[in-house]
C-alpha atoms as a PDB file:
ATOM      1  CA  MET A   1       5.692 -47.086  18.545  1.00  0.00           C
ATOM      2  CA  SER A   2       5.470 -43.783  20.469  1.00  0.00           C
ATOM      3  CA  VAL A   3       4.423 -43.583  24.120  1.00  0.00           C
ATOM      4  CA  ALA A   4       1.114 -41.996  23.117  1.00  0.00           C
ATOM      5  CA  GLU A   5       0.377 -44.752  20.582  1.00  0.00           C
ATOM      6  CA  ASN A   6       1.248 -47.445  23.086  1.00  0.00           C
ATOM      7  CA  THR A   7      -1.035 -45.815  25.664  1.00  0.00           C
ATOM      8  CA  VAL A   8      -4.006 -45.722  23.303  1.00  0.00           C
ATOM      9  CA  LEU A   9      -3.386 -49.282  22.132  1.00  0.00           C
ATOM     10  CA  THR A  10      -3.202 -50.458  25.744  1.00  0.00           C
ATOM     11  CA  GLU A  11      -6.491 -48.714  26.508  1.00  0.00           C
ATOM     12  CA  ALA A  12      -8.077 -50.465  23.526  1.00  0.00           C
ATOM     13  CA  ALA A  13      -6.703 -53.809  24.665  1.00  0.00           C
ATOM     14  CA  ALA A  14      -8.071 -53.243  28.143  1.00  0.00           C
ATOM     15  CA  TRP A  15     -11.489 -52.399  26.686  1.00  0.00           C
ATOM     16  CA  ARG A  16     -11.401 -55.623  24.701  1.00  0.00           C
ATOM     17  CA  VAL A  17     -10.725 -57.658  27.813  1.00  0.00           C
ATOM     18  CA  ARG A  18     -13.331 -55.760  29.855  1.00  0.00           C
ATOM     19  CA  LEU A  19     -16.015 -56.311  27.230  1.00  0.00           C
ATOM     20  CA  GLN A  20     -15.011 -59.961  27.029  1.00  0.00           C
ATOM     21  CA  GLU A  21     -15.457 -60.319  30.800  1.00  0.00           C
ATOM     22  CA  ALA A  22     -18.896 -58.674  30.570  1.00  0.00           C
ATOM     23  CA  ASP A  23     -19.848 -60.759  27.515  1.00  0.00           C
ATOM     24  CA  ALA A  24     -20.898 -57.514  25.853  1.00  0.00           C
ATOM     25  CA  GLU A  25     -20.260 -56.012  22.435  1.00  0.00           C
ATOM     26  CA  SER A  26     -20.420 -52.471  23.796  1.00  0.00           C
ATOM     27  CA  THR A  27     -21.302 -50.322  26.809  1.00  0.00           C
ATOM     28  CA  PRO A  28     -22.090 -46.618  27.176  1.00  0.00           C
ATOM     29  CA  GLU A  29     -18.618 -46.104  28.709  1.00  0.00           C
ATOM     30  CA  PHE A  30     -16.947 -47.832  25.801  1.00  0.00           C
ATOM     31  CA  ALA A  31     -18.962 -45.846  23.247  1.00  0.00           C
ATOM     32  CA  ALA A  32     -17.938 -42.616  25.007  1.00  0.00           C
ATOM     33  CA  TRP A  33     -14.296 -43.667  24.953  1.00  0.00           C
ATOM     34  CA  LEU A  34     -14.456 -44.357  21.198  1.00  0.00           C
ATOM     35  CA  ALA A  35     -16.061 -40.968  20.553  1.00  0.00           C
ATOM     36  CA  THR A  36     -13.422 -39.080  22.564  1.00  0.00           C
ATOM     37  CA  ASP A  37     -10.568 -39.333  20.052  1.00  0.00           C
ATOM     38  CA  PRO A  38     -10.249 -40.652  16.441  1.00  0.00           C
ATOM     39  CA  ARG A  39      -7.095 -42.448  17.554  1.00  0.00           C
ATOM     40  CA  HIS A  40      -9.251 -44.582  19.834  1.00  0.00           C
ATOM     41  CA  VAL A  41     -11.173 -45.880  16.803  1.00  0.00           C
ATOM     42  CA  ASP A  42      -7.951 -46.721  14.953  1.00  0.00           C
ATOM     43  CA  ALA A  43      -6.513 -48.475  18.029  1.00  0.00           C
ATOM     44  CA  TRP A  44      -9.736 -50.487  18.474  1.00  0.00           C
ATOM     45  CA  LYS A  45      -9.539 -51.686  14.868  1.00  0.00           C
ATOM     46  CA  ARG A  46      -5.940 -52.789  15.436  1.00  0.00           C
ATOM     47  CA  VAL A  47      -7.016 -54.775  18.474  1.00  0.00           C
ATOM     48  CA  GLN A  48     -10.124 -56.367  17.006  1.00  0.00           C
ATOM     49  CA  GLU A  49      -8.550 -58.312  14.110  1.00  0.00           C
ATOM     50  CA  PRO A  50      -5.882 -60.199  16.060  1.00  0.00           C
ATOM     51  CA  TRP A  51      -8.293 -60.672  18.976  1.00  0.00           C
ATOM     52  CA  SER A  52     -10.802 -62.347  16.627  1.00  0.00           C
ATOM     53  CA  LEU A  53      -8.087 -64.577  15.314  1.00  0.00           C
ATOM     54  CA  VAL A  54      -7.056 -65.429  18.859  1.00  0.00           C
ATOM     55  CA  GLY A  55     -10.602 -66.613  19.393  1.00  0.00           C
ATOM     56  CA  GLU A  56     -10.285 -68.919  16.423  1.00  0.00           C
ATOM     57  CA  HIS A  57      -7.163 -70.438  18.008  1.00  0.00           C
ATOM     58  CA  ALA A  58      -8.413 -70.452  21.549  1.00  0.00           C
ATOM     59  CA  ALA A  59      -7.198 -73.979  22.195  1.00  0.00           C
ATOM     60  CA  ALA A  60      -3.538 -73.074  21.531  1.00  0.00           C
ATOM     61  CA  PRO A  61      -1.518 -73.312  24.804  1.00  0.00           C
ATOM     62  CA  GLU A  62       0.059 -69.902  24.248  1.00  0.00           C
ATOM     63  CA  ILE A  63      -3.368 -68.291  23.860  1.00  0.00           C
ATOM     64  CA  ILE A  64      -4.857 -70.050  26.901  1.00  0.00           C
ATOM     65  CA  GLY A  65      -2.057 -68.872  29.153  1.00  0.00           C
ATOM     66  CA  LEU A  66      -2.072 -65.304  27.943  1.00  0.00           C
ATOM     67  CA  ARG A  67      -5.841 -64.980  28.074  1.00  0.00           C
ATOM     68  CA  ARG A  68      -5.901 -66.288  31.664  1.00  0.00           C
ATOM     69  CA  ALA A  69      -3.146 -63.903  32.715  1.00  0.00           C
ATOM     70  CA  ALA A  70      -4.746 -60.919  31.014  1.00  0.00           C
ATOM     71  CA  LEU A  71      -8.241 -61.601  32.330  1.00  0.00           C
ATOM     72  CA  ALA A  72      -6.968 -62.221  35.865  1.00  0.00           C
ATOM     73  CA  ASP A  73      -4.963 -59.022  35.766  1.00  0.00           C
ATOM     74  CA  ALA A  74      -7.825 -56.982  34.357  1.00  0.00           C
ATOM     75  CA  HIS A  75     -10.206 -58.383  36.980  1.00  0.00           C
ATOM     76  CA  ALA A  76      -7.820 -57.735  39.877  1.00  0.00           C
ATOM     77  CA  ALA A  77      -6.992 -54.230  38.829  1.00  0.00           C
ATOM     78  CA  GLY A  78     -10.371 -53.333  37.396  1.00  0.00           C
ATOM     79  CA  ARG A  79     -11.744 -51.440  40.351  1.00  0.00           C
ATOM     80  CA  THR A  80      -8.654 -49.244  40.614  1.00  0.00           C
ATOM     81  CA  ARG A  81      -8.757 -48.358  36.924  1.00  0.00           C
ATOM     82  CA  TRP A  82     -12.237 -46.884  36.733  1.00  0.00           C
ATOM     83  CA  ARG A  83     -13.332 -43.625  38.388  1.00  0.00           C
ATOM     84  CA  ARG A  84     -16.873 -42.400  38.647  1.00  0.00           C
ATOM     85  CA  SER A  85     -16.115 -40.079  35.766  1.00  0.00           C
ATOM     86  CA  ARG A  86     -15.851 -43.252  33.600  1.00  0.00           C
ATOM     87  CA  ARG A  87     -12.328 -42.324  32.524  1.00  0.00           C
ATOM     88  CA  PHE A  88      -9.613 -44.910  32.214  1.00  0.00           C
ATOM     89  CA  VAL A  89      -6.787 -44.606  34.755  1.00  0.00           C
ATOM     90  CA  PHE A  90      -3.501 -46.513  34.347  1.00  0.00           C
ATOM     91  CA  ALA A  91      -3.031 -47.887  37.843  1.00  0.00           C
ATOM     92  CA  GLY A  92      -0.494 -50.698  37.626  1.00  0.00           C
ATOM     93  CA  ARG A  93       0.070 -49.752  33.976  1.00  0.00           C
ATOM     94  CA  VAL A  94       3.230 -51.737  33.319  1.00  0.00           C
ATOM     95  CA  THR A  95       1.969 -55.071  34.606  1.00  0.00           C
ATOM     96  CA  ALA A  96      -1.461 -54.716  33.053  1.00  0.00           C
ATOM     97  CA  ALA A  97      -0.187 -53.579  29.660  1.00  0.00           C
ATOM     98  CA  ALA A  98       2.261 -56.469  29.492  1.00  0.00           C
ATOM     99  CA  ALA A  99      -0.488 -58.995  30.112  1.00  0.00           C
ATOM    100  CA  LEU A 100      -3.036 -57.349  27.838  1.00  0.00           C
ATOM    101  CA  LEU A 101      -0.720 -56.677  24.953  1.00  0.00           C
ATOM    102  CA  GLY A 102       0.704 -60.175  25.269  1.00  0.00           C
ATOM    103  CA  ILE A 103      -2.515 -61.452  23.772  1.00  0.00           C
ATOM    104  CA  LEU A 104      -2.158 -59.011  20.915  1.00  0.00           C
ATOM    105  CA  VAL A 105       1.430 -60.089  20.237  1.00  0.00           C
ATOM    106  CA  VAL A 106       0.371 -63.714  19.934  1.00  0.00           C
ATOM    107  CA  GLY A 107      -2.725 -62.702  18.064  1.00  0.00           C
ATOM    108  CA  PHE A 108      -0.655 -60.810  15.545  1.00  0.00           C
ATOM    109  CA  PHE A 109       1.611 -63.828  15.254  1.00  0.00           C
ATOM    110  CA  PHE A 110      -1.319 -66.076  14.269  1.00  0.00           C
ATOM    111  CA  TRP A 111      -2.726 -63.362  12.015  1.00  0.00           C
ATOM    112  CA  GLU A 112       0.534 -62.768  10.187  1.00  0.00           C
ATOM    113  CA  ALA A 113       1.134 -66.501   9.840  1.00  0.00           C
ATOM    114  CA  GLN A 114      -2.134 -66.765   7.924  1.00  0.00           C
ATOM    115  CA  GLN A 115      -1.448 -63.862   5.580  1.00  0.00           C
ATOM    116  CA  PRO A 116      -0.152 -64.677   2.124  1.00  0.00           C
ATOM    117  CA  GLU A 117       3.160 -63.440   0.845  1.00  0.00           C
ATOM    118  CA  VAL A 118       2.557 -61.079  -2.083  1.00  0.00           C
ATOM    119  CA  TYR A 119       4.998 -60.790  -5.002  1.00  0.00           C
ATOM    120  CA  SER A 120       4.422 -58.315  -7.810  1.00  0.00           C
ATOM    121  CA  THR A 121       6.079 -56.564 -10.720  1.00  0.00           C
ATOM    122  CA  ARG A 122       5.623 -53.187 -12.379  1.00  0.00           C
ATOM    123  CA  ALA A 123       5.426 -52.442 -16.108  1.00  0.00           C
ATOM    124  CA  GLY A 124       8.575 -53.679 -17.809  1.00  0.00           C
ATOM    125  CA  GLU A 125       9.854 -55.495 -14.706  1.00  0.00           C
ATOM    126  CA  ARG A 126      10.502 -59.242 -14.331  1.00  0.00           C
ATOM    127  CA  ARG A 127      11.635 -61.077 -11.192  1.00  0.00           C
ATOM    128  CA  VAL A 128      12.254 -64.576  -9.902  1.00  0.00           C
ATOM    129  CA  VAL A 129      11.244 -65.589  -6.389  1.00  0.00           C
ATOM    130  CA  THR A 130      12.446 -68.718  -4.541  1.00  0.00           C
ATOM    131  CA  LEU A 131       9.942 -69.962  -1.976  1.00  0.00           C
ATOM    132  CA  ASP A 132      10.638 -71.676   1.343  1.00  0.00           C
ATOM    133  CA  ASP A 133      10.357 -75.170  -0.090  1.00  0.00           C
ATOM    134  CA  GLY A 134      12.665 -74.475  -3.023  1.00  0.00           C
ATOM    135  CA  SER A 135       9.883 -73.863  -5.534  1.00  0.00           C
ATOM    136  CA  ARG A 136      10.476 -70.932  -7.884  1.00  0.00           C
ATOM    137  CA  ILE A 137       8.160 -68.356  -9.428  1.00  0.00           C
ATOM    138  CA  ALA A 138       9.198 -66.278 -12.427  1.00  0.00           C
ATOM    139  CA  LEU A 139       6.925 -63.234 -12.689  1.00  0.00           C
ATOM    140  CA  ASP A 140       6.393 -61.414 -15.939  1.00  0.00           C
ATOM    141  CA  SER A 141       5.647 -57.673 -16.207  1.00  0.00           C
ATOM    142  CA  ARG A 142       2.521 -56.371 -14.413  1.00  0.00           C
ATOM    143  CA  THR A 143       2.047 -59.597 -12.479  1.00  0.00           C
ATOM    144  CA  GLU A 144       0.941 -60.331  -8.902  1.00  0.00           C
ATOM    145  CA  VAL A 145       1.111 -63.704  -7.134  1.00  0.00           C
ATOM    146  CA  ARG A 146      -0.054 -64.435  -3.598  1.00  0.00           C
ATOM    147  CA  VAL A 147       1.597 -67.350  -1.766  1.00  0.00           C
ATOM    148  CA  HIS A 148       0.106 -69.069   1.264  1.00  0.00           C
ATOM    149  CA  TYR A 149       1.942 -72.080   2.660  1.00  0.00           C
ATOM    150  CA  THR A 150       0.638 -74.173   5.539  1.00  0.00           C
ATOM    151  CA  GLU A 151       1.739 -77.436   7.061  1.00  0.00           C
ATOM    152  CA  HIS A 152      -0.410 -79.419   4.619  1.00  0.00           C
ATOM    153  CA  THR A 153      -0.929 -77.193   1.568  1.00  0.00           C
ATOM    154  CA  ARG A 154       0.865 -74.859  -0.805  1.00  0.00           C
ATOM    155  CA  GLU A 155      -1.750 -72.494  -2.173  1.00  0.00           C
ATOM    156  CA  LEU A 156      -0.990 -69.695  -4.620  1.00  0.00           C
ATOM    157  CA  VAL A 157      -3.165 -67.191  -6.434  1.00  0.00           C
ATOM    158  CA  LEU A 158      -2.216 -65.524  -9.713  1.00  0.00           C
ATOM    159  CA  GLU A 159      -4.131 -62.252  -9.399  1.00  0.00           C
ATOM    160  CA  HIS A 160      -3.136 -60.951 -12.810  1.00  0.00           C
ATOM    161  CA  GLY A 161      -0.334 -61.196 -15.378  1.00  0.00           C
ATOM    162  CA  GLN A 162       1.823 -64.214 -16.221  1.00  0.00           C
ATOM    163  CA  ALA A 163       4.080 -66.438 -14.214  1.00  0.00           C
ATOM    164  CA  ARG A 164       6.119 -69.642 -14.542  1.00  0.00           C
ATOM    165  CA  PHE A 165       5.991 -72.058 -11.592  1.00  0.00           C
ATOM    166  CA  ASP A 166       8.783 -74.577 -11.006  1.00  0.00           C
ATOM    167  CA  VAL A 167       7.467 -76.763  -8.213  1.00  0.00           C
ATOM    168  CA  ALA A 168       9.585 -78.602  -5.643  1.00  0.00           C
ATOM    169  CA  HIS A 169       8.320 -82.150  -5.281  1.00  0.00           C
ATOM    170  CA  ASP A 170       6.439 -82.799  -2.014  1.00  0.00           C
ATOM    171  CA  VAL A 171       3.726 -85.487  -2.049  1.00  0.00           C
ATOM    172  CA  THR A 172       2.542 -84.447   1.417  1.00  0.00           C
ATOM    173  CA  ARG A 173       1.716 -80.875   0.346  1.00  0.00           C
ATOM    174  CA  PRO A 174      -0.165 -80.378  -2.921  1.00  0.00           C
ATOM    175  CA  PHE A 175       0.843 -77.279  -4.885  1.00  0.00           C
ATOM    176  CA  SER A 176      -2.027 -75.317  -6.426  1.00  0.00           C
ATOM    177  CA  VAL A 177      -2.304 -72.093  -8.390  1.00  0.00           C
ATOM    178  CA  ASN A 178      -5.687 -70.347  -8.580  1.00  0.00           C
ATOM    179  CA  ALA A 179      -6.260 -68.090 -11.541  1.00  0.00           C
ATOM    180  CA  GLY A 180      -9.723 -66.652 -11.930  1.00  0.00           C
ATOM    181  CA  ARG A 181     -12.232 -69.500 -11.627  1.00  0.00           C
ATOM    182  CA  HIS A 182      -9.695 -72.198 -12.314  1.00  0.00           C
ATOM    183  CA  LYS A 183      -7.044 -74.073 -10.328  1.00  0.00           C
ATOM    184  CA  VAL A 184      -3.878 -75.777 -11.473  1.00  0.00           C
ATOM    185  CA  LEU A 185      -2.757 -78.736  -9.337  1.00  0.00           C
ATOM    186  CA  ALA A 186       0.824 -80.018  -9.416  1.00  0.00           C
ATOM    187  CA  MET A 187       3.407 -81.920  -7.339  1.00  0.00           C
ATOM    188  CA  GLY A 188       6.840 -81.613  -8.852  1.00  0.00           C
ATOM    189  CA  THR A 189       6.623 -80.006 -12.268  1.00  0.00           C
ATOM    190  CA  ALA A 190       6.976 -76.755 -14.213  1.00  0.00           C
ATOM    191  CA  PHE A 191       4.172 -74.868 -15.894  1.00  0.00           C
ATOM    192  CA  ASN A 192       3.258 -71.411 -17.172  1.00  0.00           C
ATOM    193  CA  VAL A 193       0.022 -69.605 -16.390  1.00  0.00           C
ATOM    194  CA  ASP A 194      -1.008 -66.543 -18.357  1.00  0.00           C
ATOM    195  CA  MET A 195      -4.061 -64.412 -17.618  1.00  0.00           C
ATOM    196  CA  PHE A 196      -4.345 -62.660 -20.954  1.00  0.00           C
ATOM    197  CA  GLY A 197      -7.415 -60.488 -21.349  1.00  0.00           C
ATOM    198  CA  SER A 198     -10.450 -62.684 -20.769  1.00  0.00           C
ATOM    199  CA  ASN A 199      -8.467 -65.850 -21.534  1.00  0.00           C
ATOM    200  CA  LEU A 200      -6.432 -68.128 -19.317  1.00  0.00           C
ATOM    201  CA  LEU A 201      -3.557 -70.031 -20.915  1.00  0.00           C
ATOM    202  CA  VAL A 202      -1.925 -72.890 -19.039  1.00  0.00           C
ATOM    203  CA  THR A 203       1.170 -74.450 -20.576  1.00  0.00           C
ATOM    204  CA  LEU A 204       2.917 -77.544 -19.240  1.00  0.00           C
ATOM    205  CA  ILE A 205       6.724 -77.342 -19.456  1.00  0.00           C
ATOM    206  CA  GLU A 206       7.571 -80.565 -17.643  1.00  0.00           C
ATOM    207  CA  GLY A 207       5.853 -83.158 -15.453  1.00  0.00           C
ATOM    208  CA  ARG A 208       2.083 -83.375 -15.258  1.00  0.00           C
ATOM    209  CA  ILE A 209      -0.669 -81.059 -14.080  1.00  0.00           C
ATOM    210  CA  VAL A 210      -4.424 -81.145 -13.624  1.00  0.00           C
ATOM    211  CA  VAL A 211      -6.534 -78.026 -14.280  1.00  0.00           C
ATOM    212  CA  LEU A 212      -9.863 -77.726 -12.471  1.00  0.00           C
ATOM    213  CA  GLY A 213     -12.614 -75.281 -13.307  1.00  0.00           C
ATOM    214  CA  ASP A 214     -16.191 -74.830 -12.289  1.00  0.00           C
ATOM    215  CA  PRO A 215     -17.727 -77.770 -10.339  1.00  0.00           C
ATOM    216  CA  VAL A 216     -19.499 -78.921 -13.499  1.00  0.00           C
ATOM    217  CA  ALA A 217     -16.375 -78.791 -15.687  1.00  0.00           C
ATOM    218  CA  SER A 218     -14.240 -81.876 -16.283  1.00  0.00           C
ATOM    219  CA  PRO A 219     -10.631 -81.793 -15.000  1.00  0.00           C
ATOM    220  CA  LYS A 220      -8.085 -81.253 -17.771  1.00  0.00           C
ATOM    221  CA  THR A 221      -4.806 -83.194 -17.644  1.00  0.00           C
ATOM    222  CA  LEU A 222      -1.954 -81.820 -19.751  1.00  0.00           C
ATOM    223  CA  ASP A 223       1.139 -83.475 -21.214  1.00  0.00           C
ATOM    224  CA  VAL A 224       4.459 -81.725 -21.781  1.00  0.00           C
ATOM    225  CA  GLY A 225       4.209 -79.133 -24.526  1.00  0.00           C
ATOM    226  CA  GLU A 226       0.437 -78.822 -24.361  1.00  0.00           C
ATOM    227  CA  GLN A 227      -1.350 -75.540 -23.769  1.00  0.00           C
ATOM    228  CA  LEU A 228      -4.854 -75.290 -22.423  1.00  0.00           C
ATOM    229  CA  VAL A 229      -6.825 -72.184 -23.452  1.00  0.00           C
ATOM    230  CA  LEU A 230      -9.824 -71.302 -21.291  1.00  0.00           C
ATOM    231  CA  SER A 231     -12.129 -68.593 -22.536  1.00  0.00           C
ATOM    232  CA  ALA A 232     -15.411 -67.133 -21.390  1.00  0.00           C
ATOM    233  CA  THR A 233     -16.625 -67.134 -25.028  1.00  0.00           C
ATOM    234  CA  ALA A 234     -15.445 -70.525 -26.338  1.00  0.00           C
ATOM    235  CA  PRO A 235     -15.103 -74.148 -25.171  1.00  0.00           C
ATOM    236  CA  PRO A 236     -11.734 -75.170 -23.637  1.00  0.00           C
ATOM    237  CA  SER A 237      -9.102 -76.190 -26.173  1.00  0.00           C
ATOM    238  CA  VAL A 238      -5.775 -78.010 -25.884  1.00  0.00           C
ATOM    239  CA  ALA A 239      -2.989 -77.802 -28.466  1.00  0.00           C
ATOM    240  CA  HIS A 240       0.709 -78.569 -28.715  1.00  0.00           C
ATOM    241  CA  VAL A 241       2.758 -75.357 -28.676  1.00  0.00           C
ATOM    242  CA  SER A 242       6.401 -74.328 -28.923  1.00  0.00           C
ATOM    243  CA  LEU A 243       7.736 -74.158 -25.357  1.00  0.00           C
ATOM    244  CA  GLU A 244      10.461 -71.853 -26.588  1.00  0.00           C
ATOM    245  CA  ARG A 245       7.817 -69.402 -27.790  1.00  0.00           C
ATOM    246  CA  ALA A 246       5.612 -69.825 -24.723  1.00  0.00           C
ATOM    247  CA  THR A 247       8.487 -69.045 -22.348  1.00  0.00           C
ATOM    248  CA  ALA A 248      10.356 -66.477 -24.469  1.00  0.00           C
ATOM    249  CA  TRP A 249       9.089 -63.718 -22.139  1.00  0.00           C
ATOM    250  CA  GLU A 250      11.523 -64.979 -19.480  1.00  0.00           C
ATOM    251  CA  THR A 251      14.413 -63.652 -21.593  1.00  0.00           C
ATOM    252  CA  GLY A 252      12.613 -60.449 -22.535  1.00  0.00           C
ATOM    253  CA  GLU A 253      11.214 -61.542 -25.857  1.00  0.00           C
ATOM    254  CA  ILE A 254       7.784 -62.242 -27.296  1.00  0.00           C
ATOM    255  CA  VAL A 255       7.183 -64.251 -30.453  1.00  0.00           C
ATOM    256  CA  PHE A 256       4.271 -63.853 -32.865  1.00  0.00           C
ATOM    257  CA  GLU A 257       3.337 -66.059 -35.792  1.00  0.00           C
ATOM    258  CA  ASN A 258       0.682 -64.632 -38.098  1.00  0.00           C
ATOM    259  CA  ASP A 259      -1.218 -63.195 -35.119  1.00  0.00           C
ATOM    260  CA  ARG A 260      -3.906 -60.519 -35.244  1.00  0.00           C
ATOM    261  CA  LEU A 261      -2.485 -57.066 -34.596  1.00  0.00           C
ATOM    262  CA  ALA A 262      -5.103 -56.469 -31.907  1.00  0.00           C
ATOM    263  CA  SER A 263      -3.797 -59.485 -29.965  1.00  0.00           C
ATOM    264  CA  VAL A 264      -0.147 -58.519 -30.564  1.00  0.00           C
ATOM    265  CA  VAL A 265      -0.714 -54.974 -29.290  1.00  0.00           C
ATOM    266  CA  ALA A 266      -2.567 -56.273 -26.227  1.00  0.00           C
ATOM    267  CA  ARG A 267       0.467 -58.450 -25.445  1.00  0.00           C
ATOM    268  CA  ILE A 268       2.892 -55.573 -25.965  1.00  0.00           C
ATOM    269  CA  ASN A 269       0.876 -53.374 -23.622  1.00  0.00           C
ATOM    270  CA  ARG A 270       1.828 -55.675 -20.730  1.00  0.00           C
ATOM    271  CA  TYR A 271       5.307 -54.145 -20.992  1.00  0.00           C
ATOM    272  CA  ALA A 272       4.593 -50.639 -22.249  1.00  0.00           C
ATOM    273  CA  PRO A 273       4.781 -47.743 -19.794  1.00  0.00           C
ATOM    274  CA  ALA A 274       2.010 -46.059 -21.842  1.00  0.00           C
ATOM    275  CA  PRO A 275      -0.477 -48.022 -23.936  1.00  0.00           C
ATOM    276  CA  VAL A 276      -0.501 -48.642 -27.662  1.00  0.00           C
ATOM    277  CA  VAL A 277      -3.990 -48.361 -29.113  1.00  0.00           C
ATOM    278  CA  VAL A 278      -5.365 -49.727 -32.399  1.00  0.00           C
ATOM    279  CA  GLU A 279      -7.783 -47.130 -33.701  1.00  0.00           C
ATOM    280  CA  ASP A 280      -9.963 -49.059 -36.158  1.00  0.00           C
ATOM    281  CA  ALA A 281     -11.307 -52.564 -36.733  1.00  0.00           C
ATOM    282  CA  ALA A 282      -9.614 -53.057 -40.132  1.00  0.00           C
ATOM    283  CA  THR A 283      -6.180 -52.323 -38.650  1.00  0.00           C
ATOM    284  CA  ALA A 284      -6.899 -54.619 -35.688  1.00  0.00           C
ATOM    285  CA  GLU A 285      -7.380 -57.562 -38.133  1.00  0.00           C
ATOM    286  CA  LEU A 286      -4.002 -57.174 -39.817  1.00  0.00           C
ATOM    287  CA  ARG A 287      -1.578 -60.074 -39.283  1.00  0.00           C
ATOM    288  CA  ILE A 288       2.011 -59.954 -38.132  1.00  0.00           C
ATOM    289  CA  SER A 289       4.899 -62.311 -37.314  1.00  0.00           C
ATOM    290  CA  GLY A 290       8.198 -61.625 -35.593  1.00  0.00           C
ATOM    291  CA  VAL A 291      10.260 -61.591 -32.434  1.00  0.00           C
ATOM    292  CA  PHE A 292      10.129 -58.406 -30.390  1.00  0.00           C
ATOM    293  CA  HIS A 293      11.974 -57.237 -27.307  1.00  0.00           C
ATOM    294  CA  THR A 294       9.677 -56.418 -24.383  1.00  0.00           C
ATOM    295  CA  ASP A 295      11.761 -53.375 -23.414  1.00  0.00           C
ATOM    296  CA  ASP A 296      11.591 -51.762 -26.871  1.00  0.00           C
ATOM    297  CA  VAL A 297       8.016 -50.716 -27.479  1.00  0.00           C
ATOM    298  CA  ASP A 298       9.134 -47.869 -29.758  1.00  0.00           C
ATOM    299  CA  GLY A 299      11.020 -50.376 -31.876  1.00  0.00           C
ATOM    300  CA  PHE A 300       7.883 -52.515 -32.094  1.00  0.00           C
ATOM    301  CA  VAL A 301       5.867 -49.526 -33.315  1.00  0.00           C
ATOM    302  CA  SER A 302       8.554 -48.630 -35.889  1.00  0.00           C
ATOM    303  CA  THR A 303       8.400 -52.190 -37.216  1.00  0.00           C
ATOM    304  CA  LEU A 304       4.631 -51.959 -37.635  1.00  0.00           C
ATOM    305  CA  VAL A 305       4.912 -48.736 -39.598  1.00  0.00           C
ATOM    306  CA  SER A 306       7.640 -50.223 -41.799  1.00  0.00           C
ATOM    307  CA  TYR A 307       5.945 -53.490 -42.696  1.00  0.00           C
ATOM    308  CA  LEU A 308       2.199 -52.812 -42.443  1.00  0.00           C
ATOM    309  CA  PRO A 309      -0.005 -50.219 -44.122  1.00  0.00           C
ATOM    310  CA  VAL A 310      -0.363 -48.259 -40.880  1.00  0.00           C
ATOM    311  CA  GLN A 311       0.827 -45.040 -39.288  1.00  0.00           C
ATOM    312  CA  ALA A 312       1.502 -44.206 -35.673  1.00  0.00           C
ATOM    313  CA  GLU A 313       0.848 -41.059 -33.686  1.00  0.00           C
ATOM    314  CA  LYS A 314       2.150 -40.539 -30.187  1.00  0.00           C
ATOM    315  CA  GLY A 315       0.152 -38.094 -28.139  1.00  0.00           C
ATOM    316  CA  THR A 316       1.278 -35.774 -25.348  1.00  0.00           C
ATOM    317  CA  ASP A 317      -0.226 -38.312 -22.923  1.00  0.00           C
ATOM    318  CA  GLY A 318       2.309 -40.889 -24.125  1.00  0.00           C
ATOM    319  CA  VAL A 319      -0.350 -43.051 -25.784  1.00  0.00           C
ATOM    320  CA  THR A 320       0.609 -44.353 -29.238  1.00  0.00           C
ATOM    321  CA  ARG A 321      -2.279 -44.705 -31.688  1.00  0.00           C
ATOM    322  CA  ILE A 322      -2.034 -47.070 -34.645  1.00  0.00           C
ATOM    323  CA  MET A 323      -4.298 -46.410 -37.618  1.00  0.00           C
ATOM    324  CA  GLN A 324      -4.613 -47.074 -41.327  1.00  0.00           C
ATOM    325  CA  ARG A 325      -2.247 -45.197 -43.546  1.00  0.00           C
END
């Protein structure tokens, strides 16, 4: 941080303490300081968030000590820091800044401790992440997972895409994955969660899991090899599936068995740098089976043209359009 940035941040910290002492949200002097320079507004925002979090953890010993030191310092030096022109003066700058910014340091510590770790992949990318407790997440292409561990919980959110979760056993800290309006609860187990279009597919690989939905929905317990399909347009359904097929994406393959072309193309588009588009309803209803490599979209299109009554046109925008031949 530059000297100028540190100076502005210290001013903002001092304003925060001064307003706290006065039990005020603002004063004319503070409003004038904010209006003086856009950097003041940015610095104030940087101060506010951790300060608010400090307030939530006011009983922590570190916070109590730092707040007392900062407030005492601000009070003792207050008269020397303010001229009649209402401009801030850095008398005793080093001591005051250390006390004031000490609160921010601890505040940022609490703030950062509450922020989730975010793991994501780009089109065509896969990655495996090992978490602090030994649990592992395998992320498919175009996937984002947020991880928030606390002393008593392990909470994850699948924002989009597909991921496999291999959970380290810990009876004291439940492991949950939120996906849309549903939550998967596990202890020590392995399962796959796929947010595919408007559907959510949960597949149990080993162990046991419970899937929770809306408050009025009944919890769903899965056995190994079962897949729960949750849709906005149909009742929940559970069926036995091939685990080899369900997890083939981990080795860069996807398997189709007499699936609608529209669904197959939607799956392929998770890996394609530019989308493949089915142009008409009749083509969308064609059926196809096969094993395709996720990194060979052109090969997939060539197979369609060879085995189905369709043709493909690739535009200058990179989009491939599939239509009746």
